[in-house]
C-alpha atoms as a PDB file:
ATOM      1  CA  ILE A   1       0.485   0.090  -0.307  1.00  0.00           C
ATOM      2  CA  SER A   2       2.921   2.208   1.089  1.00  0.00           C
ATOM      3  CA  ALA A   3       3.687   2.514  -2.432  1.00  0.00           C
ATOM      4  CA  ASP A   4       0.327   3.115  -4.229  1.00  0.00           C
ATOM      5  CA  THR A   5      -0.095   6.458  -4.301  1.00  0.00           C
ATOM      6  CA  THR A   6      -3.621   6.429  -5.911  1.00  0.00           C
ATOM      7  CA  ALA A   7      -4.657   4.700  -2.795  1.00  0.00           C
ATOM      8  CA  GLN A   8      -6.416   1.906  -4.688  1.00  0.00           C
ATOM      9  CA  SER A   9      -4.261  -0.799  -2.729  1.00  0.00           C
ATOM     10  CA  GLN A  10      -6.493   0.510   0.301  1.00  0.00           C
ATOM     11  CA  GLN A  11     -10.169   1.009  -1.558  1.00  0.00           C
ATOM     12  CA  LEU A  12      -9.943  -2.531  -2.607  1.00  0.00           C
ATOM     13  CA  ALA A  13      -8.725  -4.314   0.399  1.00  0.00           C
ATOM     14  CA  GLU A  14     -11.860  -1.718   1.623  1.00  0.00           C
ATOM     15  CA  GLU A  15     -13.675  -3.919  -0.517  1.00  0.00           C
ATOM     16  CA  LEU A  16     -12.644  -7.418   0.334  1.00  0.00           C
ATOM     17  CA  LEU A  17     -13.609  -6.381   4.027  1.00  0.00           C
ATOM     18  CA  SER A  18     -17.550  -6.817   3.067  1.00  0.00           C
ATOM     19  CA  PHE A  19     -19.269  -9.727   4.236  1.00  0.00           C
ATOM     20  CA  GLU A  20     -19.963 -11.885   0.823  1.00  0.00           C
ATOM     21  CA  TYR A  21     -16.635 -13.304   0.997  1.00  0.00           C
ATOM     22  CA  PRO A  22     -15.224 -15.906   3.455  1.00  0.00           C
ATOM     23  CA  TYR A  23     -13.406 -14.992   6.465  1.00  0.00           C
ATOM     24  CA  SER A  24     -10.147 -16.514   4.782  1.00  0.00           C
ATOM     25  CA  THR A  25     -10.127 -13.522   2.210  1.00  0.00           C
ATOM     26  CA  ARG A  26     -11.535 -10.557   4.892  1.00  0.00           C
ATOM     27  CA  ILE A  27      -9.119 -12.007   7.418  1.00  0.00           C
ATOM     28  CA  ALA A  28      -6.011 -11.412   4.574  1.00  0.00           C
ATOM     29  CA  ALA A  29      -7.319  -7.871   3.805  1.00  0.00           C
ATOM     30  CA  LEU A  30      -7.704  -7.293   7.446  1.00  0.00           C
ATOM     31  CA  ASN A  31      -4.130  -7.871   8.447  1.00  0.00           C
ATOM     32  CA  LEU A  32      -2.941  -5.673   5.041  1.00  0.00           C
ATOM     33  CA  LEU A  33      -4.853  -2.285   6.381  1.00  0.00           C
ATOM     34  CA  LEU A  34      -2.719  -3.440   9.652  1.00  0.00           C
ATOM     35  CA  ASN A  35      -0.172  -3.289   8.331  1.00  0.00           C
ATOM     36  CA  ASN A  36      -0.090  -0.570   5.916  1.00  0.00           C
ATOM     37  CA  VAL A  37      -2.535   2.441   7.552  1.00  0.00           C
ATOM     38  CA  ASP A  38      -2.409   3.728  10.677  1.00  0.00           C
ATOM     39  CA  ASP A  39      -4.618   6.767  10.358  1.00  0.00           C
ATOM     40  CA  SER A  40      -6.915   6.961  13.677  1.00  0.00           C
ATOM     41  CA  GLU A  41      -9.535   8.259  12.183  1.00  0.00           C
ATOM     42  CA  PHE A  42      -9.519   5.454   9.380  1.00  0.00           C
ATOM     43  CA  TRP A  43      -9.089   2.885  12.928  1.00  0.00           C
ATOM     44  CA  GLY A  44     -11.862   4.006  14.971  1.00  0.00           C
ATOM     45  CA  ASN A  45     -14.469   3.779  11.824  1.00  0.00           C
ATOM     46  CA  LYS A  46     -13.507   0.626  11.240  1.00  0.00           C
ATOM     47  CA  ILE A  47     -13.162  -0.956  14.682  1.00  0.00           C
ATOM     48  CA  VAL A  48     -17.028   0.739  15.520  1.00  0.00           C
ATOM     49  CA  GLU A  49     -18.219  -0.731  11.911  1.00  0.00           C
ATOM     50  CA  PHE A  50     -17.160  -4.068  12.737  1.00  0.00           C
ATOM     51  CA  SER A  51     -18.295  -4.419  16.076  1.00  0.00           C
ATOM     52  CA  SER A  52     -21.724  -4.848  14.620  1.00  0.00           C
ATOM     53  CA  ASP A  53     -19.965  -7.878  12.009  1.00  0.00           C
ATOM     54  CA  LEU A  54     -21.646 -10.687  11.910  1.00  0.00           C
ATOM     55  CA  ASP A  55     -18.302 -13.298  12.572  1.00  0.00           C
ATOM     56  CA  PRO A  56     -16.974 -12.627  16.092  1.00  0.00           C
ATOM     57  CA  ARG A  57     -13.123 -13.788  14.985  1.00  0.00           C
ATOM     58  CA  LEU A  58     -13.308 -10.304  12.384  1.00  0.00           C
ATOM     59  CA  ARG A  59     -15.121  -8.329  16.093  1.00  0.00           C
ATOM     60  CA  LEU A  60     -11.718  -9.574  18.166  1.00  0.00           C
ATOM     61  CA  HIS A  61      -8.900  -8.850  15.148  1.00  0.00           C
ATOM     62  CA  VAL A  62     -10.277  -5.254  14.894  1.00  0.00           C
ATOM     63  CA  LEU A  63      -9.491  -4.542  17.855  1.00  0.00           C
ATOM     64  CA  LYS A  64      -6.023  -4.823  17.470  1.00  0.00           C
ATOM     65  CA  GLY A  65      -6.503  -1.535  15.390  1.00  0.00           C
ATOM     66  CA  LEU A  66      -7.142   0.366  19.115  1.00  0.00           C
ATOM     67  CA  ARG A  67      -3.079   0.531  18.668  1.00  0.00           C
ATOM     68  CA  PHE A  68      -3.702   3.351  16.167  1.00  0.00           C
ATOM     69  CA  LEU A  69      -5.158   5.747  18.692  1.00  0.00           C
ATOM     70  CA  SER A  70      -5.127   7.294  22.008  1.00  0.00           C
ATOM     71  CA  GLU A  71      -5.688   5.961  25.106  1.00  0.00           C
ATOM     72  CA  THR A  72      -8.881   7.934  25.359  1.00  0.00           C
ATOM     73  CA  ASP A  73     -10.195   7.028  21.759  1.00  0.00           C
ATOM     74  CA  SER A  74      -9.650   3.424  22.938  1.00  0.00           C
ATOM     75  CA  ARG A  75     -11.939   3.273  25.964  1.00  0.00           C
ATOM     76  CA  ASN A  76     -13.852   5.262  24.586  1.00  0.00           C
ATOM     77  CA  ILE A  77     -14.278   2.595  21.671  1.00  0.00           C
ATOM     78  CA  LEU A  78     -14.181   0.271  24.266  1.00  0.00           C
ATOM     79  CA  GLU A  79     -16.813   1.280  26.510  1.00  0.00           C
ATOM     80  CA  ALA A  80     -19.281   1.541  23.577  1.00  0.00           C
ATOM     81  CA  ILE A  81     -19.024  -1.792  21.836  1.00  0.00           C
ATOM     82  CA  GLU A  82     -19.231  -3.737  25.585  1.00  0.00           C
ATOM     83  CA  LEU A  83     -22.538  -2.622  25.789  1.00  0.00           C
ATOM     84  CA  SER A  84     -23.329  -4.717  22.511  1.00  0.00           C
ATOM     85  CA  GLU A  85     -20.406  -7.686  22.277  1.00  0.00           C
ATOM     86  CA  PHE A  86     -21.811 -10.940  23.738  1.00  0.00           C
ATOM     87  CA  ASP A  87     -19.049 -13.180  22.580  1.00  0.00           C
ATOM     88  CA  PRO A  88     -16.673 -14.065  25.441  1.00  0.00           C
ATOM     89  CA  ARG A  89     -13.662 -14.424  23.427  1.00  0.00           C
ATOM     90  CA  VAL A  90     -14.330 -10.724  22.001  1.00  0.00           C
ATOM     91  CA  LEU A  91     -15.052  -9.712  26.007  1.00  0.00           C
ATOM     92  CA  GLU A  92     -11.867 -10.864  27.280  1.00  0.00           C
ATOM     93  CA  GLN A  93      -9.669  -9.095  24.703  1.00  0.00           C
ATOM     94  CA  MET A  94     -10.997  -6.226  25.354  1.00  0.00           C
ATOM     95  CA  GLU A  95     -10.127  -5.865  29.364  1.00  0.00           C
END
């Protein structure tokens, strides 16, 4: 992504996150973004967006994007997500 001055690879990776794709495709796209995008606003939005995803593995994995947020923003997002999260694996990671 870093050599892509048109941001097309980021856009493509974001499209591959759609629920229409299998888990293996979605997790690969998410890993690509985690390794190449460090924008805090992007990750704040992505974490909130994925908090309602049907796949708990993706809800859990997207939390790795918290490292790009300030401590205050991370705490605020986690508190909001905690209200609706029901999977014990995700809840444990949020602690």
